[in-house]
Protein backbone atom coordinates (compact mmCIF):
# COMPACT_ATOMS: atom_id res chain seq x y z
CA UNK A 1 1.92 64.44 57.86
CA UNK A 2 1.26 61.79 60.51
CA UNK A 3 -0.35 64.39 62.80
CA UNK A 4 -2.93 65.00 60.06
CA UNK A 5 -3.56 61.31 59.41
CA UNK A 6 -3.63 60.07 63.00
CA UNK A 7 -7.26 61.11 63.78
CA UNK A 8 -8.41 59.26 60.67
CA UNK A 9 -6.41 56.15 61.58
CA UNK A 10 -7.61 56.23 65.18
CA UNK A 11 -11.21 56.31 63.93
CA UNK A 12 -10.62 52.84 62.49
CA UNK A 13 -10.25 49.49 64.21
CA UNK A 14 -6.63 49.23 65.38
CA UNK A 15 -5.72 46.23 63.23
CA UNK A 16 -7.37 47.74 60.15
CA UNK A 17 -5.43 50.97 60.71
CA UNK A 18 -2.22 48.96 61.10
CA UNK A 19 -2.70 47.32 57.71
CA UNK A 20 -3.73 50.58 56.05
CA UNK A 21 -0.66 52.37 57.39
CA UNK A 22 1.69 49.74 55.98
CA UNK A 23 -0.13 49.87 52.65
CA UNK A 24 0.16 53.68 52.57
CA UNK A 25 3.89 53.49 53.30
CA UNK A 26 4.27 51.16 50.34
CA UNK A 27 2.41 53.59 48.08
CA UNK A 28 4.56 56.47 49.32
CA UNK A 29 7.77 54.55 48.61
CA UNK A 30 6.71 53.50 45.13
CA UNK A 31 5.59 57.06 44.36
CA UNK A 32 8.80 58.68 45.55
CA UNK A 33 7.01 60.45 48.41
CA UNK A 34 8.89 58.98 51.37
CA UNK A 35 10.62 62.32 52.00
CA UNK A 36 7.22 63.66 53.05
CA UNK A 37 6.78 60.79 55.48
CA UNK A 38 10.10 60.85 57.33
CA UNK A 39 13.56 62.35 57.13
CA UNK A 40 16.29 59.82 57.84
CA UNK A 41 18.64 60.99 60.61
CA UNK A 42 22.36 61.51 60.15
CA UNK A 43 24.34 58.39 60.97
CA UNK A 44 25.23 57.64 64.58
CA UNK A 45 27.17 54.37 64.21
CA UNK A 46 27.22 51.77 66.97
CA UNK A 47 28.56 48.23 67.20
CA UNK A 48 26.84 45.41 69.05
CA UNK A 49 27.22 41.61 69.01
CA UNK A 50 29.70 41.88 66.16
CA UNK A 51 27.50 43.96 63.87
CA UNK A 52 27.73 47.60 62.84
CA UNK A 53 24.50 49.61 62.97
CA UNK A 54 24.15 53.02 61.27
CA UNK A 55 22.29 54.19 64.36
CA UNK A 56 21.06 52.49 67.57
CA UNK A 57 17.30 52.89 66.97
CA UNK A 58 15.55 49.89 65.46
CA UNK A 59 12.08 48.60 64.71
CA UNK A 60 10.79 45.92 67.07
CA UNK A 61 9.28 42.68 65.83
CA UNK A 62 5.52 42.49 65.45
CA UNK A 63 4.86 45.37 63.08
CA UNK A 64 5.88 43.46 59.95
CA UNK A 65 5.38 39.81 60.78
CA UNK A 66 5.91 38.48 57.26
CA UNK A 67 8.63 40.89 56.02
CA UNK A 68 6.19 42.22 53.44
CA UNK A 69 7.12 45.89 53.99
CA UNK A 70 10.88 45.80 54.47
CA UNK A 71 11.70 48.38 51.81
CA UNK A 72 9.35 51.07 53.09
CA UNK A 73 10.14 50.47 56.77
CA UNK A 74 13.84 50.51 55.98
CA UNK A 75 13.39 53.95 54.43
CA UNK A 76 12.16 55.50 57.69
CA UNK A 77 15.66 55.89 59.11
CA UNK A 78 15.89 52.87 61.40
CA UNK A 79 19.35 51.58 62.22
CA UNK A 80 17.95 48.07 61.91
CA UNK A 81 14.63 46.35 61.29
CA UNK A 82 13.35 43.21 63.03
CA UNK A 83 10.58 41.20 61.36
CA UNK A 84 8.41 38.35 62.65
CA UNK A 85 7.54 36.62 64.88
CA UNK A 86 7.45 33.83 62.31
CA UNK A 87 6.55 30.18 62.90
CA UNK A 88 7.25 27.03 60.86
CA UNK A 89 3.70 26.74 59.56
CA UNK A 90 1.22 29.51 58.75
CA UNK A 91 -1.30 30.23 61.47
CA UNK A 92 -4.17 32.73 61.73
CA UNK A 93 -3.53 33.83 65.30
CA UNK A 94 -6.29 34.62 67.74
CA UNK A 95 -9.79 35.78 66.72
CA UNK A 96 -10.37 39.48 66.03
CA UNK A 97 -10.61 41.97 67.61
CA UNK A 98 -7.18 41.32 69.10
CA UNK A 99 -5.47 44.73 69.00
CA UNK A 100 -6.61 47.66 71.15
CA UNK A 101 -5.42 51.24 71.56
CA UNK A 102 -5.54 52.93 74.96
CA UNK A 103 -4.88 56.56 73.96
CA UNK A 104 -5.31 57.98 77.44
CA UNK A 105 -2.33 55.89 78.52
CA UNK A 106 -0.39 55.95 75.22
CA UNK A 107 -0.61 52.17 75.34
CA UNK A 108 -1.62 49.16 73.27
CA UNK A 109 -2.96 45.74 74.27
CA UNK A 110 -2.53 42.93 71.78
CA UNK A 111 -3.37 39.25 71.74
CA UNK A 112 -2.38 38.62 68.13
CA UNK A 113 -1.08 35.11 68.78
CA UNK A 114 1.80 34.85 66.29
CA UNK A 115 -0.43 35.35 63.26
CA UNK A 116 1.85 34.91 60.24
CA UNK A 117 2.13 33.28 56.82
CA UNK A 118 4.85 30.83 57.86
CA UNK A 119 8.61 30.93 57.59
CA UNK A 120 8.80 29.98 53.90
CA UNK A 121 6.65 33.01 52.97
CA UNK A 122 8.86 35.29 55.07
CA UNK A 123 11.98 33.93 53.36
CA UNK A 124 10.49 34.65 49.92
CA UNK A 125 9.60 38.20 50.97
CA UNK A 126 13.09 38.90 52.31
CA UNK A 127 14.66 37.54 49.14
CA UNK A 128 12.42 39.78 47.02
CA UNK A 129 13.22 42.88 49.07
CA UNK A 130 15.82 45.52 48.17
CA UNK A 131 16.51 46.23 51.86
CA UNK A 132 20.22 45.87 52.65
CA UNK A 133 20.31 47.19 56.21
CA UNK A 134 20.72 45.09 59.35
CA UNK A 135 17.83 42.63 59.45
CA UNK A 136 16.69 40.80 62.54
CA UNK A 137 14.36 37.83 62.13
CA UNK A 138 12.27 36.89 65.15
CA UNK A 139 11.30 33.20 65.40
CA UNK A 140 8.73 31.33 67.47
CA UNK A 141 6.76 28.10 67.70
CA UNK A 142 3.37 27.15 66.35
CA UNK A 143 0.50 27.31 68.80
CA UNK A 144 -0.22 23.57 68.57
CA UNK A 145 3.40 22.49 69.11
CA UNK A 146 3.83 21.22 72.69
CA UNK A 147 6.65 22.73 74.73
CA UNK A 148 8.55 19.44 74.84
CA UNK A 149 8.90 19.75 71.05
CA UNK A 150 9.29 23.53 70.93
CA UNK A 151 13.00 23.33 70.09
CA UNK A 152 12.09 21.53 66.84
CA UNK A 153 10.03 24.53 65.69
CA UNK A 154 12.77 27.02 66.55
CA UNK A 155 15.39 24.87 64.82
CA UNK A 156 13.20 24.63 61.73
CA UNK A 157 12.92 28.42 61.53
CA UNK A 158 16.55 29.04 62.45
CA UNK A 159 17.79 26.83 59.62
CA UNK A 160 15.60 28.57 57.04
CA UNK A 161 16.31 32.17 57.98
CA UNK A 162 19.96 31.87 58.96
CA UNK A 163 21.58 32.95 55.69
CA UNK A 164 19.22 35.91 55.24
CA UNK A 165 19.33 37.30 58.78
CA UNK A 166 21.75 39.81 60.22
CA UNK A 167 20.76 38.33 63.58
CA UNK A 168 18.05 35.97 64.84
CA UNK A 169 15.82 36.63 67.86
CA UNK A 170 14.37 33.70 69.78
CA UNK A 171 10.98 34.77 71.14
CA UNK A 172 9.97 32.78 74.22
CA UNK A 173 8.21 35.64 75.98
CA UNK A 174 4.97 36.42 74.14
CA UNK A 175 2.03 36.11 76.54
CA UNK A 176 -0.32 35.24 73.68
CA UNK A 177 0.81 31.66 72.97
CA UNK A 178 -0.24 29.44 75.84
CA UNK A 179 2.68 28.03 77.80
CA UNK A 180 5.35 29.83 75.77
CA UNK A 181 6.75 31.74 78.75
CA UNK A 182 7.33 28.43 80.56
CA UNK A 183 10.38 28.04 78.32
CA UNK A 184 12.03 30.79 80.40
CA UNK A 185 12.27 28.47 83.44
CA UNK A 186 16.00 28.03 84.13
CA UNK A 187 16.54 24.30 83.55
CA UNK A 188 14.16 24.18 80.60
CA UNK A 189 15.87 27.24 79.16
CA UNK A 190 19.33 25.75 79.66
CA UNK A 191 18.50 22.68 77.54
CA UNK A 192 16.56 24.72 74.98
CA UNK A 193 19.26 27.36 74.50
CA UNK A 194 21.98 24.72 74.38
CA UNK A 195 20.24 23.01 71.48
CA UNK A 196 19.85 26.26 69.57
CA UNK A 197 23.44 27.35 70.25
CA UNK A 198 24.75 24.10 68.79
CA UNK A 199 22.66 24.69 65.68
CA UNK A 200 23.82 28.31 65.48
CA UNK A 201 27.46 27.30 65.39
CA UNK A 202 26.81 24.46 62.94
CA UNK A 203 24.91 26.76 60.59
CA UNK A 204 27.57 29.43 60.92
CA UNK A 205 30.28 26.99 59.88
CA UNK A 206 28.20 25.84 56.94
CA UNK A 207 27.39 29.40 55.80
CA UNK A 208 30.88 30.74 56.41
CA UNK A 209 29.46 33.49 58.63
CA UNK A 210 28.34 33.29 62.23
CA UNK A 211 25.03 35.11 62.84
CA UNK A 212 24.28 36.46 66.33
CA UNK A 213 21.39 34.94 68.28
CA UNK A 214 19.36 36.97 70.79
CA UNK A 215 16.79 35.94 73.38
CA UNK A 216 13.69 38.09 74.00
CA UNK A 217 12.45 37.93 77.59
CA UNK A 218 9.34 39.00 79.49
CA UNK A 219 9.04 41.91 81.95
CA UNK A 220 6.99 39.81 84.39
CA UNK A 221 9.83 37.75 85.84
CA UNK A 222 10.96 37.63 89.45
CA UNK A 223 14.49 38.62 90.44
CA UNK A 224 15.30 34.95 91.01
CA UNK A 225 14.03 34.06 87.53
CA UNK A 226 16.11 36.85 86.01
CA UNK A 227 19.14 35.54 87.91
CA UNK A 228 18.60 32.12 86.34
CA UNK A 229 18.18 33.53 82.84
CA UNK A 230 21.37 35.56 83.18
CA UNK A 231 23.29 32.44 84.25
CA UNK A 232 22.01 30.55 81.21
CA UNK A 233 22.90 33.39 78.84
CA UNK A 234 26.42 33.63 80.19
CA UNK A 235 27.03 29.89 80.30
CA UNK A 236 25.69 29.30 76.79
CA UNK A 237 27.41 32.30 75.20
CA UNK A 238 24.22 33.86 73.84
CA UNK A 239 25.00 37.05 71.91
CA UNK A 240 22.26 39.32 73.19
CA UNK A 241 19.06 39.71 75.17
CA UNK A 242 16.06 41.91 74.34
CA UNK A 243 14.40 43.48 77.39
CA UNK A 244 11.41 43.23 77.14
CA UNK A 245 8.29 41.86 75.56
CA UNK A 246 4.82 43.05 76.62
CA UNK A 247 3.46 42.72 80.15
CA UNK A 248 0.43 40.83 81.45
CA UNK A 249 0.11 43.28 84.35
CA UNK A 250 -2.71 45.67 83.40
CA UNK A 251 -2.89 47.45 86.76
CA UNK A 252 -1.78 50.77 85.29
CA UNK A 253 -4.64 50.78 82.76
CA UNK A 254 -7.39 49.16 84.81
CA UNK A 255 -9.60 52.26 84.46
CA UNK A 256 -9.42 52.26 80.66
CA UNK A 257 -12.39 50.89 78.66
CA UNK A 258 -10.00 48.34 77.12
CA UNK A 259 -7.84 47.89 80.21
CA UNK A 260 -9.14 44.42 81.00
CA UNK A 261 -8.75 43.00 77.50
CA UNK A 262 -6.64 39.84 77.51
CA UNK A 263 -3.19 40.20 75.98
CA UNK A 264 0.15 41.90 76.38
CA UNK A 265 0.32 45.56 77.34
CA UNK A 266 2.88 47.82 75.64
CA UNK A 267 3.52 51.54 75.42
CA UNK A 268 4.00 54.14 78.16
CA UNK A 269 2.90 51.94 81.12
CA UNK A 270 5.60 49.38 80.25
CA UNK A 271 8.50 51.82 80.26
CA UNK A 272 9.49 51.76 83.92
CA UNK A 273 9.27 47.99 84.32
CA UNK A 274 11.03 47.13 81.06
CA UNK A 275 13.80 49.61 81.87
CA UNK A 276 14.22 48.14 85.35
CA UNK A 277 14.58 44.65 83.85
CA UNK A 278 17.07 46.04 81.33
CA UNK A 279 19.15 47.72 84.05
CA UNK A 280 19.12 44.58 86.15
CA UNK A 281 20.13 42.31 83.30
CA UNK A 282 22.93 44.68 82.31
CA UNK A 283 24.28 44.48 85.86
CA UNK A 284 23.98 40.69 85.94
CA UNK A 285 25.65 40.24 82.58
CA UNK A 286 28.45 42.68 83.20
CA UNK A 287 28.77 43.73 79.59
CA UNK A 288 29.48 40.19 78.40
CA UNK A 289 26.09 39.94 76.64
CA UNK A 290 24.64 42.90 74.73
CA UNK A 291 21.27 44.20 75.92
CA UNK A 292 18.61 45.69 73.63
CA UNK A 293 16.01 47.95 75.25
CA UNK A 294 12.39 48.00 74.12
CA UNK A 295 9.15 48.96 75.83
CA UNK A 296 7.44 52.32 76.21
CA UNK A 297 9.70 54.59 74.18
CA UNK A 298 7.49 57.57 73.29
CA UNK A 299 10.11 60.28 72.81
CA UNK A 300 13.83 60.83 72.41
CA UNK A 301 14.38 61.14 76.14
CA UNK A 302 12.95 57.66 76.68
CA UNK A 303 15.37 56.21 74.14
CA UNK A 304 18.33 57.97 75.75
CA UNK A 305 17.24 56.68 79.18
CA UNK A 306 17.27 53.10 77.90
CA UNK A 307 20.85 53.55 76.73
CA UNK A 308 21.80 55.14 80.05
CA UNK A 309 20.37 52.05 81.77
CA UNK A 310 22.75 49.85 79.80
CA UNK A 311 21.16 49.17 76.41
CA UNK A 312 23.43 48.97 73.37
CA UNK A 313 20.43 49.41 71.06
CA UNK A 314 16.76 50.32 71.40
CA UNK A 315 13.63 49.33 69.49
CA UNK A 316 10.33 51.10 68.81
CA UNK A 317 6.80 49.88 68.16
CA UNK A 318 3.93 51.33 70.18
CA UNK A 319 5.53 54.78 70.14
CA UNK A 320 5.24 54.77 66.34
CA UNK A 321 1.47 54.40 66.66
CA UNK A 322 1.23 57.50 68.83
CA UNK A 323 4.05 59.63 67.41
CA UNK A 324 4.51 58.42 63.85
CA UNK A 325 7.73 57.97 61.84
CA UNK A 326 9.31 61.21 63.10
CA UNK A 327 9.95 59.40 66.38
CA UNK A 328 12.87 57.55 64.77
CA UNK A 329 14.92 60.66 63.98
CA UNK A 330 13.90 62.26 67.29
CA UNK A 331 15.33 59.31 69.21
CA UNK A 332 18.57 59.25 67.19
CA UNK A 333 19.04 63.02 67.60
CA UNK A 334 18.46 62.92 71.35
CA UNK A 335 20.90 60.04 71.80
CA UNK A 336 23.43 62.02 69.77
CA UNK A 337 22.86 65.11 71.94
CA UNK A 338 23.29 63.11 75.13
CA UNK A 339 26.51 61.54 73.86
CA UNK A 340 27.94 64.92 72.94
CA UNK A 341 26.99 66.32 76.35
CA UNK A 342 28.59 63.36 78.12
CA UNK A 343 31.81 63.90 76.19
CA UNK A 344 31.77 67.64 76.72
CA UNK A 345 31.60 68.40 73.03
C-alpha cells in the first residue's frame, strides 16, 4: 500500500506529509485496516538494560514527539517505540519549512528544533493510550534554557515521565538547539550525568521500579571526545547509549537542491558514520553499557549490520519515509535469518 501512496505523499511538503501519514495510520487503526498497512513480524525476543523486547527493531524518537499516535505506531510491529523529544514547556520549534527530503540520496534534513506540546501533554497522551509495549521517552531542554541550567529541565521531565516510561533517553545531541551539543564535553557531561543518575535512583526507589536511562550522542565527535563520553558512561553507570543522532556534515549531499539547508542530516548518508561510532563505542564500553544503533537503516541488511557492529537494538526513522512500514518486518526477518545462519540452524 505504501508504494502506491508514496508518490502522493512526496508531492506534498515533507512536514505536511508527515502529519498526514500519522493521521492516516490513526484512521486505519480505528477502522480495523491495520492489517493492510503492515504485518507484524513473529517475535524475536532480546534483552537489553534489564528489559525484554519482543524484537530488536524500534522506532526512533522524533516521529511522534507528543505521543499522540502510540497505538497506531505500536501496531506496526516495532519491538519498542520511543517518543519525544519532549521539553518542560511547550515550544513551536524553528520556522517552517524545516523538514526536507533528499530522495536521490534517500536522506532527510531537519531543523525542527524540539517542537512539542510540553511534557505534561505527552504524559496525558501516554496515559490515554492503550499501548503496552516497551516505551522510551526522549527528554530535552527548552531552547531558552541556558546550558548552566539545562539539568533543571531534564530533571523536570525525568520526574514527570519516570513512572510511565520503560526507559528514558537523555537527548544532548540534536544539532537544532543552539549549544545543546556542548553538554557532551567530558567534564560538563560528568556533572550533568551525575545529577541525572542520582535522580534516577531516587525516583526508582520511590516508584519501586528502577527505569533504565540512556544517553543519545552525536555522530560528529572526535575519537578523543568519544573516549571521554565512554569514561563518563562507565563511571556513572549509565544503562545505555544511542549511536547516533543526525549529522551536521552535509558533504555527501552537497549536490542536492536541499543539500545546504541548515539542520541535521539523516538517512543513507549517515549509515557509515553512525555505524563507525557505534562500533567504536561498543569496543570502548566492552559490553558493560548496552548500545542502540540508529542512523541510515534502509533495509534489513543495514539493521543486521548494526547488530554485527555491536548494537543490542536498532531504531528506524528516515528509512520509514522511503520504505514504509514493511521495513519493520523486513529488518526483524533479516536479523532472524542472520542469527540462524550464525548458529548453523
